[in-house]
């Protein structure tokens, strides 16, 4: 087997899980097992929280590296190897604005849990029944004492509808990126999947050229640029295609070709 890379980082939604899927194909698990046997590191990199990623990747969860919350938290073997919390006063300001804005919902995440205060059944059902997520409903965010690492704003129609307003208000103090069709994510300035990948690379003492990344959306850009080689999904928009070295239709097929397995 060839070993062109020592670290493979991949986005989840729209990259490993295509066409709105909520489960990883068994074919990817089989491919990942073969690579990890040869000491290739596999790192799901997502806007999702790490507890959610562990549920999604349950068959191989104990052997993976994790880049969660858009790079705000990175973990290996249950050890946090990188964490970048948000300023608490900024978090409180974003939460207040979202709670008073029609058609917007708030999700505030710590390294261990996502907290929501649903205004309606649609968002509640999505985050507690449809999406695989560790979620807790609260009425008072100030009661949560752990650091927040990410704020997600959900629009029940399209994230772009209100994204400009939120970016105008908070974009100078927080890093914002569209994540999927209905979410706008905020992290601390400088936090993105590229920083998470850098945390992982430095922890394992890898060279940039020993890494590869797969992605499809705006919150993947920094990770694609940080990687030695960038693979962009064929259906990604033109803005994302600018950051590719190669195009990809299915991650595991590309990996099998690259590693000759």
Protein backbone atom coordinates (compact mmCIF):
# COMPACT_ATOMS: atom_id res chain seq x y z
CA UNK A 1 0.00 0.00 0.00
CA UNK A 2 1.21 3.48 -0.87
CA UNK A 3 1.28 6.11 1.91
CA UNK A 4 1.11 9.52 0.23
CA UNK A 5 -0.27 11.15 3.43
CA UNK A 6 -0.05 10.58 7.19
CA UNK A 7 -3.13 12.67 8.09
CA UNK A 8 -6.46 12.75 6.28
CA UNK A 9 -8.94 15.38 7.47
CA UNK A 10 -12.44 15.40 6.05
CA UNK A 11 -15.54 17.51 6.41
CA UNK A 12 -18.74 15.55 7.16
CA UNK A 13 -21.94 17.13 5.81
CA UNK A 14 -21.79 17.39 2.04
CA UNK A 15 -18.44 15.58 1.92
CA UNK A 16 -18.56 12.23 3.75
CA UNK A 17 -22.35 12.38 4.07
CA UNK A 18 -23.77 13.28 0.68
CA UNK A 19 -27.23 14.44 -0.38
CA UNK A 20 -28.51 15.17 3.13
CA UNK A 21 -27.55 11.77 4.57
CA UNK A 22 -27.31 11.44 8.37
CA UNK A 23 -25.16 8.30 8.39
CA UNK A 24 -21.66 7.42 7.18
CA UNK A 25 -21.46 4.71 4.53
CA UNK A 26 -19.98 1.42 5.72
CA UNK A 27 -17.63 1.64 2.75
CA UNK A 28 -15.88 4.60 4.40
CA UNK A 29 -15.50 2.72 7.69
CA UNK A 30 -13.88 -0.19 5.83
CA UNK A 31 -11.50 2.16 4.03
CA UNK A 32 -10.63 4.04 7.25
CA UNK A 33 -9.88 0.80 9.12
CA UNK A 34 -7.40 -0.25 6.43
CA UNK A 35 -5.65 3.12 6.53
CA UNK A 36 -5.48 3.31 10.32
CA UNK A 37 -3.91 -0.16 10.44
CA UNK A 38 -1.05 1.43 8.50
CA UNK A 39 -0.84 4.33 11.02
CA UNK A 40 -2.61 6.85 8.80
CA UNK A 41 -4.51 9.32 10.98
CA UNK A 42 -8.16 9.93 10.06
CA UNK A 43 -9.70 13.16 11.34
CA UNK A 44 -13.36 14.06 10.89
CA UNK A 45 -13.40 17.87 10.71
CA UNK A 46 -16.76 19.46 11.22
CA UNK A 47 -18.82 22.30 12.53
CA UNK A 48 -20.46 19.61 14.62
CA UNK A 49 -19.52 19.01 18.24
CA UNK A 50 -17.14 16.14 19.07
CA UNK A 51 -19.80 14.17 21.05
CA UNK A 52 -21.91 14.16 17.88
CA UNK A 53 -18.95 13.05 15.76
CA UNK A 54 -18.30 10.15 18.13
CA UNK A 55 -21.89 8.97 17.71
CA UNK A 56 -21.71 9.29 13.92
CA UNK A 57 -18.41 7.40 13.74
CA UNK A 58 -19.28 4.90 16.47
CA UNK A 59 -17.77 1.77 14.78
CA UNK A 60 -14.32 3.39 14.72
CA UNK A 61 -14.74 6.24 17.22
CA UNK A 62 -11.89 5.23 19.56
CA UNK A 63 -9.24 5.35 16.82
CA UNK A 64 -10.00 8.72 15.25
CA UNK A 65 -8.62 12.21 15.67
CA UNK A 66 -11.39 14.81 15.97
CA UNK A 67 -11.57 18.41 14.79
CA UNK A 68 -14.89 19.72 16.10
CA UNK A 69 -16.82 22.97 16.30
CA UNK A 70 -15.10 24.38 13.20
CA UNK A 71 -11.67 23.83 14.72
CA UNK A 72 -12.41 25.24 18.17
CA UNK A 73 -11.85 21.84 19.81
CA UNK A 74 -9.51 19.03 18.73
CA UNK A 75 -9.26 15.68 20.49
CA UNK A 76 -7.39 12.37 20.34
CA UNK A 77 -8.00 9.38 22.63
CA UNK A 78 -10.31 11.55 24.80
CA UNK A 79 -7.53 14.11 25.33
CA UNK A 80 -8.21 17.69 24.23
CA UNK A 81 -5.21 18.67 22.12
CA UNK A 82 -6.51 22.10 21.12
CA UNK A 83 -9.27 24.40 22.41
CA UNK A 84 -10.11 28.00 21.53
CA UNK A 85 -13.06 29.48 23.51
CA UNK A 86 -15.07 32.60 22.64
CA UNK A 87 -15.26 35.79 24.68
CA UNK A 88 -18.18 35.41 27.10
CA UNK A 89 -19.49 38.97 26.73
CA UNK A 90 -19.60 38.54 22.96
CA UNK A 91 -21.42 35.24 23.32
CA UNK A 92 -24.03 36.88 25.56
CA UNK A 93 -24.55 39.69 23.02
CA UNK A 94 -25.06 37.23 20.14
CA UNK A 95 -27.50 35.16 22.18
CA UNK A 96 -29.57 38.23 23.09
CA UNK A 97 -29.79 39.32 19.45
CA UNK A 98 -30.78 35.90 18.16
CA UNK A 99 -33.46 35.42 20.82
CA UNK A 100 -35.11 38.70 19.81
CA UNK A 101 -34.89 38.08 16.04
CA UNK A 102 -37.84 36.35 14.31
CA UNK A 103 -37.04 33.13 12.40
CA UNK A 104 -33.65 32.78 14.12
CA UNK A 105 -32.71 30.07 16.61
CA UNK A 106 -29.64 29.85 18.83
CA UNK A 107 -27.34 26.96 19.69
CA UNK A 108 -24.44 27.68 22.07
CA UNK A 109 -21.82 24.97 22.34
CA UNK A 110 -19.25 24.04 24.94
CA UNK A 111 -16.66 21.32 24.29
CA UNK A 112 -19.09 18.77 25.73
CA UNK A 113 -22.66 19.87 24.97
CA UNK A 114 -24.87 22.04 22.74
CA UNK A 115 -27.43 24.23 24.51
CA UNK A 116 -30.61 25.41 22.78
CA UNK A 117 -33.62 27.53 23.69
CA UNK A 118 -36.09 26.63 20.94
CA UNK A 119 -38.75 29.09 19.84
CA UNK A 120 -40.59 26.46 17.84
CA UNK A 121 -41.00 22.75 17.23
CA UNK A 122 -39.05 22.72 13.94
CA UNK A 123 -35.70 23.58 15.47
CA UNK A 124 -36.34 21.52 18.59
CA UNK A 125 -37.18 18.43 16.53
CA UNK A 126 -34.19 18.96 14.24
CA UNK A 127 -31.67 19.19 17.06
CA UNK A 128 -33.12 16.50 19.35
CA UNK A 129 -34.53 13.95 16.90
CA UNK A 130 -33.20 14.37 13.35
CA UNK A 131 -29.58 15.40 13.93
CA UNK A 132 -27.27 13.16 15.94
CA UNK A 133 -26.26 15.65 18.62
CA UNK A 134 -25.71 15.90 22.38
CA UNK A 135 -28.22 18.65 23.13
CA UNK A 136 -29.73 20.19 26.25
CA UNK A 137 -32.64 22.64 26.37
CA UNK A 138 -32.13 25.66 28.63
CA UNK A 139 -33.99 28.86 29.46
CA UNK A 140 -31.01 30.75 30.91
CA UNK A 141 -27.66 30.58 29.13
CA UNK A 142 -25.97 32.54 31.91
CA UNK A 143 -26.35 29.48 34.16
CA UNK A 144 -23.84 27.61 32.00
CA UNK A 145 -20.38 28.19 33.45
CA UNK A 146 -18.25 26.25 30.95
CA UNK A 147 -16.56 28.17 28.14
CA UNK A 148 -18.47 28.42 24.88
CA UNK A 149 -16.50 27.44 21.80
CA UNK A 150 -19.08 28.05 19.08
CA UNK A 151 -22.38 29.84 18.50
CA UNK A 152 -24.65 28.58 15.72
CA UNK A 153 -27.54 30.63 14.38
CA UNK A 154 -30.26 28.66 12.61
CA UNK A 155 -32.57 30.25 10.05
CA UNK A 156 -35.69 28.22 9.31
CA UNK A 157 -35.52 29.18 5.62
CA UNK A 158 -31.93 29.91 4.59
CA UNK A 159 -28.88 31.07 6.56
CA UNK A 160 -28.11 33.67 3.90
CA UNK A 161 -31.36 35.49 4.70
CA UNK A 162 -30.00 36.89 7.99
CA UNK A 163 -26.26 36.23 7.67
CA UNK A 164 -25.40 39.75 6.51
CA UNK A 165 -27.18 41.29 9.49
CA UNK A 166 -25.37 39.09 11.99
CA UNK A 167 -22.03 39.55 10.26
CA UNK A 168 -22.47 43.34 10.31
CA UNK A 169 -23.16 43.18 14.05
CA UNK A 170 -20.58 40.61 15.16
CA UNK A 171 -18.26 39.87 12.25
CA UNK A 172 -15.51 42.17 13.50
CA UNK A 173 -15.36 40.41 16.87
CA UNK A 174 -15.97 36.80 15.83
CA UNK A 175 -15.16 34.56 12.89
CA UNK A 176 -18.36 33.77 10.99
CA UNK A 177 -19.02 31.19 8.27
CA UNK A 178 -22.04 29.64 6.62
CA UNK A 179 -22.24 25.96 7.52
CA UNK A 180 -24.79 24.05 5.50
CA UNK A 181 -27.97 25.58 4.15
CA UNK A 182 -29.45 26.90 7.39
CA UNK A 183 -26.62 27.61 9.85
CA UNK A 184 -24.30 30.56 10.41
CA UNK A 185 -21.50 29.64 12.83
CA UNK A 186 -19.45 32.01 14.97
CA UNK A 187 -16.16 31.12 16.63
CA UNK A 188 -13.43 33.18 18.25
CA UNK A 189 -11.43 35.31 15.79
CA UNK A 190 -8.82 33.16 14.08
CA UNK A 191 -10.65 29.90 14.81
CA UNK A 192 -11.51 27.69 11.86
CA UNK A 193 -10.95 24.14 10.69
CA UNK A 194 -7.53 25.16 9.41
CA UNK A 195 -6.47 26.10 12.94
CA UNK A 196 -7.83 22.78 14.19
CA UNK A 197 -5.83 20.96 11.54
CA UNK A 198 -2.76 22.94 12.56
CA UNK A 199 -3.33 21.89 16.21
CA UNK A 200 -3.45 18.26 15.12
CA UNK A 201 -0.46 18.55 12.81
CA UNK A 202 1.66 20.12 15.54
CA UNK A 203 0.56 17.56 18.14
CA UNK A 204 1.68 14.70 15.90
CA UNK A 205 4.71 16.62 14.58
CA UNK A 206 3.69 16.26 10.94
CA UNK A 207 4.83 18.26 7.95
CA UNK A 208 2.17 20.09 5.95
CA UNK A 209 2.95 18.05 2.83
CA UNK A 210 2.07 14.90 4.82
CA UNK A 211 -1.55 16.06 5.18
CA UNK A 212 -4.64 16.11 2.97
CA UNK A 213 -8.13 17.55 3.42
CA UNK A 214 -11.55 17.02 1.86
CA UNK A 215 -14.29 19.65 1.92
CA UNK A 216 -17.20 21.29 0.15
CA UNK A 217 -18.31 24.46 1.97
CA UNK A 218 -17.18 27.88 3.13
CA UNK A 219 -16.20 26.68 6.60
CA UNK A 220 -13.76 24.25 4.93
CA UNK A 221 -11.69 26.89 3.13
CA UNK A 222 -8.99 27.41 5.76
CA UNK A 223 -8.62 23.65 6.24
CA UNK A 224 -8.23 23.14 2.49
CA UNK A 225 -5.59 25.88 2.40
CA UNK A 226 -3.78 24.51 5.47
CA UNK A 227 -3.53 20.99 4.02
CA UNK A 228 -0.67 19.89 1.86
CA UNK A 229 -3.19 18.67 -0.72
CA UNK A 230 -6.81 19.85 -1.00
CA UNK A 231 -9.66 17.78 -2.41
CA UNK A 232 -12.94 19.61 -3.11
CA UNK A 233 -16.23 17.85 -3.76
CA UNK A 234 -17.51 18.08 -7.32
CA UNK A 235 -20.81 19.72 -6.29
CA UNK A 236 -19.14 22.53 -4.30
CA UNK A 237 -19.73 26.08 -5.49
CA UNK A 238 -17.14 27.97 -7.52
CA UNK A 239 -15.82 29.93 -4.52
CA UNK A 240 -14.79 26.65 -2.88
CA UNK A 241 -13.46 25.10 -6.08
CA UNK A 242 -10.82 27.85 -6.18
CA UNK A 243 -9.14 26.18 -3.19
CA UNK A 244 -8.78 22.70 -4.64
CA UNK A 245 -5.81 20.80 -5.88
CA UNK A 246 -8.05 17.97 -7.05
CA UNK A 247 -11.76 17.29 -7.44
CA UNK A 248 -13.56 14.44 -5.67
CA UNK A 249 -16.94 12.71 -6.04
CA UNK A 250 -16.69 10.25 -3.13
CA UNK A 251 -14.03 10.43 -0.40
CA UNK A 252 -13.45 6.73 0.13
CA UNK A 253 -13.06 6.09 -3.61
CA UNK A 254 -10.40 8.78 -3.83
CA UNK A 255 -8.59 7.38 -0.77
CA UNK A 256 -8.57 3.87 -2.21
CA UNK A 257 -7.07 5.20 -5.41
CA UNK A 258 -4.45 7.31 -3.62
CA UNK A 259 -3.36 4.56 -1.23
CA UNK A 260 -3.89 1.72 -3.72
CA UNK A 261 -6.08 -0.36 -1.41
